[in-house]
Amino acid sequence: MVSTGKYISFAPLIMAVSARKLLFFMTIVVLLASCKGYESVVRSNDVNYKLERANKYYDQKKYPQANAVYESLIPVMKNTKNYEPLYYRYTYTFYHMKDYLSASYHFKNFAEFFPKSKDAEECEYMHSYCLFKESPKPSLDQAYTEKTIGALQTFLNAYPQSKYAPEANKIIDQCRAKLEIKDADAAKLYYNIGHYKAASVAFQEVLLEYPESVKADMYKYMIVKSWYEYAKISIKSKQEERYANALNAYRELKEEYPKSKYITEGNKYFLQANNNIKKLRNEQ
């Protein structure tokens, strides 16, 4: 090897590596100390100390730790002055951990356990709100959507002047919109697979359930189409009656929604159904 005559120092590199190792070691030490501290809190028999630590965990947003310590305190804190605030925070730990079903259950319990509490109204609302958080997209089962509506209606009956009332009504509207989409999609599916009679019935039920829908005229138009298509595939002895149903549905569309964009298209079905009825009568 040919010497360049220059001295290469590895001291900065060694120091950098050593610093990283030291930082890693210190991080592990802190984590272990933290875990050890938490375990000692859970095992402690000092109720006041545990409550103090649980509240500190909660304030630090360490909700899993706070939840576990609060839970260990519940059996010994019942019927004490500290039980209400403890249970209130315990319930919110579930909410912050996104365990909405458990949160909903405990919010309801809080409202029932402490009906005179200043937080009872809030917890009754949060019970419903957590159910709403479990409400899935319209294509999935809507059991929690329906439960949300029922719970919020109960809440509004109990607290009609609540500060949460505007939001509660907004959520009910959102839930009903989901249910409408699901019901309308089911009706469309009947139409798309050629079950026209079932489609006409399903669209009529959607109209009855959601009379104020912005899509009401479209549902009425689909009833026109469904009856028309059903008449086309029916035996001749049933066709006139079913074409007549299409005519009646179109008249209702025109009368109830005179400015609907579907009137022009609906009129085509009306004219064709009317012509088909005339042909049927001429054949007799």
Protein backbone atom coordinates (compact mmCIF):
# COMPACT_ATOMS: atom_id res chain seq x y z
CA MET A 1 0.00 0.00 0.00
CA VAL A 2 1.32 3.39 -0.90
CA SER A 3 1.15 5.91 1.89
CA THR A 4 -0.31 9.29 1.04
CA GLY A 5 1.30 10.84 4.02
CA LYS A 6 -2.09 11.92 5.36
CA TYR A 7 -3.58 10.79 8.66
CA ILE A 8 -7.24 9.61 8.46
CA SER A 9 -9.09 9.98 11.77
CA PHE A 10 -11.97 7.59 12.51
CA ALA A 11 -12.76 9.31 15.81
CA PRO A 12 -15.83 11.29 14.52
CA LEU A 13 -17.32 8.12 12.99
CA ILE A 14 -16.73 6.15 16.19
CA MET A 15 -18.24 8.96 18.25
CA ALA A 16 -21.33 9.11 15.95
CA VAL A 17 -21.88 5.36 16.19
CA SER A 18 -21.40 5.47 19.96
CA ALA A 19 -23.89 8.35 20.24
CA ARG A 20 -26.53 6.40 18.31
CA LYS A 21 -25.96 3.34 20.47
CA LEU A 22 -26.22 5.46 23.59
CA LEU A 23 -29.46 7.05 22.37
CA PHE A 24 -30.92 3.62 21.54
CA PHE A 25 -29.87 2.30 24.95
CA MET A 26 -31.38 5.28 26.75
CA THR A 27 -34.66 4.88 24.81
CA ILE A 28 -34.90 1.22 25.86
CA VAL A 29 -34.18 2.18 29.46
CA VAL A 30 -36.93 4.83 29.43
CA LEU A 31 -39.44 2.42 27.87
CA LEU A 32 -38.64 -0.31 30.36
CA ALA A 33 -38.86 2.14 33.24
CA SER A 34 -42.21 3.36 31.91
CA CYS A 35 -43.59 -0.17 31.64
CA LYS A 36 -42.29 -1.03 35.07
CA GLY A 37 -43.88 2.11 36.47
CA TYR A 38 -47.22 1.30 34.85
CA GLU A 39 -47.15 -2.29 36.14
CA SER A 40 -46.39 -1.08 39.64
CA VAL A 41 -49.39 1.27 39.44
CA VAL A 42 -51.71 -1.57 38.39
CA ARG A 43 -50.41 -3.83 41.20
CA SER A 44 -50.54 -1.12 43.85
CA ASN A 45 -53.06 -1.36 46.70
CA ASP A 46 -52.96 2.38 47.28
CA VAL A 47 -56.31 3.53 45.87
CA ASN A 48 -55.53 7.26 45.99
CA TYR A 49 -52.18 6.74 44.29
CA LYS A 50 -53.76 4.65 41.55
CA LEU A 51 -56.48 7.22 40.95
CA GLU A 52 -53.90 9.99 40.76
CA ARG A 53 -51.83 8.01 38.27
CA ALA A 54 -54.89 7.03 36.19
CA ASN A 55 -55.90 10.69 35.91
CA LYS A 56 -52.36 11.58 34.91
CA TYR A 57 -52.34 8.92 32.22
CA TYR A 58 -55.67 10.28 30.99
CA ASP A 59 -54.41 13.87 30.89
CA GLN A 60 -51.33 12.66 29.00
CA LYS A 61 -53.66 10.92 26.51
CA LYS A 62 -52.27 7.51 27.46
CA TYR A 63 -55.74 6.05 27.21
CA PRO A 64 -54.96 2.30 27.29
CA GLN A 65 -53.02 2.73 30.52
CA ALA A 66 -55.67 5.00 32.02
CA ASN A 67 -58.37 2.52 31.01
CA ALA A 68 -56.67 -0.41 32.73
CA VAL A 69 -56.05 1.47 35.97
CA TYR A 70 -59.56 2.93 36.07
CA GLU A 71 -60.99 -0.53 35.49
CA SER A 72 -59.03 -1.92 38.43
CA LEU A 73 -60.43 0.88 40.61
CA ILE A 74 -64.11 0.46 39.70
CA PRO A 75 -64.91 -2.34 42.19
CA VAL A 76 -63.42 -0.41 45.13
CA MET A 77 -64.58 3.07 44.15
CA LYS A 78 -68.31 2.39 43.81
CA ASN A 79 -70.49 4.41 46.17
CA THR A 80 -67.70 6.94 46.74
CA LYS A 81 -67.64 10.57 45.70
CA ASN A 82 -64.88 9.84 43.19
CA TYR A 83 -66.78 7.14 41.34
CA GLU A 84 -68.74 9.46 39.03
CA PRO A 85 -65.72 11.37 37.61
CA LEU A 86 -63.74 8.12 37.46
CA TYR A 87 -66.46 6.36 35.45
CA TYR A 88 -66.85 9.40 33.20
CA ARG A 89 -63.16 9.34 32.26
CA TYR A 90 -63.12 5.56 32.08
CA THR A 91 -65.92 5.73 29.52
CA TYR A 92 -64.09 8.30 27.43
CA THR A 93 -60.96 6.13 27.33
CA PHE A 94 -62.92 3.68 25.18
CA TYR A 95 -64.03 6.51 22.92
CA HIS A 96 -60.49 7.82 22.48
CA MET A 97 -59.25 4.29 21.77
CA LYS A 98 -61.95 4.08 19.04
CA ASP A 99 -63.68 1.18 20.77
CA TYR A 100 -67.02 2.75 19.98
CA LEU A 101 -69.25 -0.17 20.96
CA SER A 102 -67.75 -0.33 24.46
CA ALA A 103 -67.90 3.46 24.68
CA SER A 104 -71.56 3.49 23.65
CA TYR A 105 -72.38 0.86 26.28
CA HIS A 106 -70.63 2.76 29.06
CA PHE A 107 -71.99 6.18 28.05
CA LYS A 108 -75.48 4.70 28.36
CA ASN A 109 -74.58 3.18 31.71
CA PHE A 110 -73.26 6.52 32.96
CA ALA A 111 -76.50 8.28 32.04
CA GLU A 112 -78.47 5.60 33.87
CA PHE A 113 -76.17 5.40 36.90
CA PHE A 114 -75.98 9.19 37.32
CA PRO A 115 -79.23 10.62 35.89
CA LYS A 116 -78.82 13.86 37.89
CA SER A 117 -75.21 14.39 36.84
CA LYS A 118 -74.29 17.51 34.89
CA ASP A 119 -72.74 15.10 32.36
CA ALA A 120 -75.79 12.83 31.96
CA GLU A 121 -77.13 14.67 28.90
CA GLU A 122 -73.73 14.64 27.22
CA CYS A 123 -73.28 10.91 27.87
CA GLU A 124 -76.76 10.12 26.58
CA TYR A 125 -75.86 11.92 23.36
CA MET A 126 -72.44 10.26 23.15
CA HIS A 127 -74.11 6.86 23.50
CA SER A 128 -75.94 7.60 20.23
CA TYR A 129 -72.95 9.21 18.58
CA CYS A 130 -70.79 6.15 19.20
CA LEU A 131 -73.44 3.97 17.57
CA PHE A 132 -73.26 6.32 14.60
CA LYS A 133 -69.48 5.82 14.44
CA GLU A 134 -70.20 2.12 13.87
CA SER A 135 -72.61 2.84 11.02
CA PRO A 136 -71.06 1.46 7.80
CA LYS A 137 -71.38 2.48 4.15
CA PRO A 138 -74.84 2.01 2.60
CA SER A 139 -74.05 -1.27 0.84
CA LEU A 140 -73.44 -3.05 4.17
CA ASP A 141 -75.82 -4.08 6.94
CA GLN A 142 -77.45 -0.99 8.44
CA ALA A 143 -78.36 -2.33 11.89
CA TYR A 144 -76.23 0.28 13.66
CA THR A 145 -77.62 3.03 11.44
CA GLU A 146 -81.14 2.10 12.56
CA LYS A 147 -80.00 1.85 16.20
CA THR A 148 -78.47 5.32 15.89
CA ILE A 149 -81.73 6.81 14.66
CA GLY A 150 -83.70 5.17 17.47
CA ALA A 151 -81.21 6.26 20.14
CA LEU A 152 -81.10 9.85 18.86
CA GLN A 153 -84.88 10.11 18.71
CA THR A 154 -85.02 8.92 22.33
CA PHE A 155 -82.37 11.51 23.21
CA LEU A 156 -84.27 14.33 21.49
CA ASN A 157 -87.48 13.33 23.27
CA ALA A 158 -85.68 13.53 26.60
CA TYR A 159 -83.66 16.69 25.82
CA PRO A 160 -85.57 18.66 23.13
CA GLN A 161 -83.68 21.88 23.95
CA SER A 162 -80.26 20.27 24.16
CA LYS A 163 -77.25 22.00 22.68
CA TYR A 164 -76.64 18.69 20.94
CA ALA A 165 -80.07 18.75 19.24
CA PRO A 166 -78.92 20.38 15.97
CA GLU A 167 -76.12 17.84 15.56
CA ALA A 168 -78.46 15.00 16.55
CA ASN A 169 -80.93 16.00 13.85
CA LYS A 170 -78.12 16.29 11.32
CA ILE A 171 -76.93 12.77 12.14
CA ILE A 172 -80.49 11.42 11.84
CA ASP A 173 -80.67 12.97 8.36
CA GLN A 174 -77.34 11.37 7.43
CA CYS A 175 -78.54 7.99 8.70
CA ARG A 176 -81.81 8.24 6.80
CA ALA A 177 -79.86 9.16 3.66
CA LYS A 178 -77.84 5.95 4.06
CA LEU A 179 -80.98 3.88 4.51
CA GLU A 180 -82.54 5.53 1.46
CA ILE A 181 -79.51 4.72 -0.68
CA LYS A 182 -79.60 1.09 0.44
CA ASP A 183 -83.35 0.75 -0.24
CA ALA A 184 -83.11 2.52 -3.61
CA ASP A 185 -80.16 0.35 -4.66
CA ALA A 186 -82.18 -2.76 -3.80
CA ALA A 187 -85.05 -1.49 -5.97
CA LYS A 188 -82.63 -0.74 -8.83
CA LEU A 189 -81.22 -4.24 -8.55
CA TYR A 190 -84.70 -5.72 -8.99
CA TYR A 191 -85.10 -3.63 -12.13
CA ASN A 192 -81.66 -4.50 -13.50
CA ILE A 193 -82.22 -8.26 -13.17
CA GLY A 194 -85.64 -8.06 -14.79
CA HIS A 195 -87.84 -8.46 -11.70
CA TYR A 196 -89.98 -5.53 -12.78
CA LYS A 197 -92.99 -6.09 -10.55
CA ALA A 198 -90.74 -6.34 -7.48
CA ALA A 199 -88.95 -3.18 -8.67
CA SER A 200 -92.20 -1.22 -8.95
CA VAL A 201 -93.21 -2.28 -5.43
CA ALA A 202 -89.75 -1.52 -4.02
CA PHE A 203 -89.60 1.95 -5.59
CA GLN A 204 -93.09 2.69 -4.25
CA GLU A 205 -91.94 1.70 -0.76
CA VAL A 206 -88.91 3.99 -1.07
CA LEU A 207 -91.26 6.84 -1.99
CA LEU A 208 -93.51 6.14 0.98
CA GLU A 209 -90.55 5.96 3.38
CA TYR A 210 -88.73 9.03 2.02
CA PRO A 211 -91.43 11.32 0.57
CA GLU A 212 -89.23 14.42 0.92
CA SER A 213 -86.30 12.88 -0.95
CA VAL A 214 -84.66 14.99 -3.65
CA LYS A 215 -84.78 11.84 -5.80
CA ALA A 216 -88.52 11.28 -5.37
CA ASP A 217 -89.28 12.13 -9.00
CA MET A 218 -86.66 9.63 -10.18
CA TYR A 219 -88.27 6.90 -8.07
CA LYS A 220 -91.68 7.70 -9.59
CA TYR A 221 -90.12 7.60 -13.07
CA MET A 222 -88.64 4.18 -12.29
CA ILE A 223 -92.12 2.98 -11.32
CA VAL A 224 -93.33 4.06 -14.77
CA LYS A 225 -90.51 2.13 -16.43
CA SER A 226 -90.97 -0.91 -14.20
CA TRP A 227 -94.69 -1.24 -14.98
CA TYR A 228 -94.04 -0.72 -18.69
CA GLU A 229 -91.33 -3.40 -18.81
CA TYR A 230 -93.43 -5.74 -16.68
CA ALA A 231 -96.38 -5.33 -19.06
CA LYS A 232 -94.16 -6.11 -22.07
CA ILE A 233 -93.14 -9.53 -20.71
CA SER A 234 -96.60 -10.40 -19.36
CA ILE A 235 -99.10 -12.69 -20.99
CA LYS A 236 -101.53 -10.82 -23.27
CA SER A 237 -104.47 -11.14 -20.91
CA LYS A 238 -102.51 -9.15 -18.27
CA GLN A 239 -100.81 -6.59 -20.49
CA GLU A 240 -103.52 -3.96 -20.72
CA GLU A 241 -103.91 -3.73 -16.96
CA ARG A 242 -100.15 -3.40 -16.46
CA TYR A 243 -99.69 -0.84 -19.23
CA ALA A 244 -102.49 1.09 -17.53
CA ASN A 245 -100.48 1.05 -14.31
CA ALA A 246 -97.59 2.61 -16.22
CA LEU A 247 -99.94 5.32 -17.54
CA ASN A 248 -101.19 6.09 -14.03
CA ALA A 249 -97.67 6.23 -12.65
CA TYR A 250 -96.69 8.71 -15.36
CA ARG A 251 -99.73 10.91 -14.63
CA GLU A 252 -98.69 10.97 -10.95
CA LEU A 253 -95.14 11.88 -11.95
CA LYS A 254 -96.37 14.76 -14.07
CA GLU A 255 -98.83 15.99 -11.44
CA GLU A 256 -96.59 15.69 -8.38
CA TYR A 257 -93.31 16.76 -10.01
CA PRO A 258 -94.27 19.08 -12.89
CA LYS A 259 -90.71 20.42 -13.23
CA SER A 260 -89.00 17.03 -13.14
CA LYS A 261 -86.31 16.32 -15.69
CA TYR A 262 -87.81 12.83 -16.06
CA ILE A 263 -91.13 14.00 -17.55
CA THR A 264 -89.83 14.03 -21.11
CA GLU A 265 -88.46 10.49 -20.89
CA GLY A 266 -91.51 9.34 -18.97
CA ASN A 267 -93.75 10.70 -21.71
CA LYS A 268 -92.14 8.29 -24.20
CA TYR A 269 -93.19 5.35 -22.06
CA PHE A 270 -96.63 6.90 -21.64
CA LEU A 271 -97.15 7.22 -25.39
CA GLN A 272 -95.83 3.73 -26.11
CA ALA A 273 -97.94 2.16 -23.34
CA ASN A 274 -101.02 3.99 -24.64
CA ASN A 275 -100.35 2.76 -28.20
CA ASN A 276 -99.88 -0.79 -26.95
CA ILE A 277 -103.21 -0.66 -25.13
CA LYS A 278 -104.94 0.51 -28.36
CA LYS A 279 -103.34 -2.35 -30.30
CA LEU A 280 -104.46 -4.88 -27.70
CA ARG A 281 -108.02 -3.58 -27.86
CA ASN A 282 -108.03 -3.70 -31.67
CA GLU A 283 -106.90 -7.31 -31.57
CA GLN A 284 -109.85 -8.35 -29.42
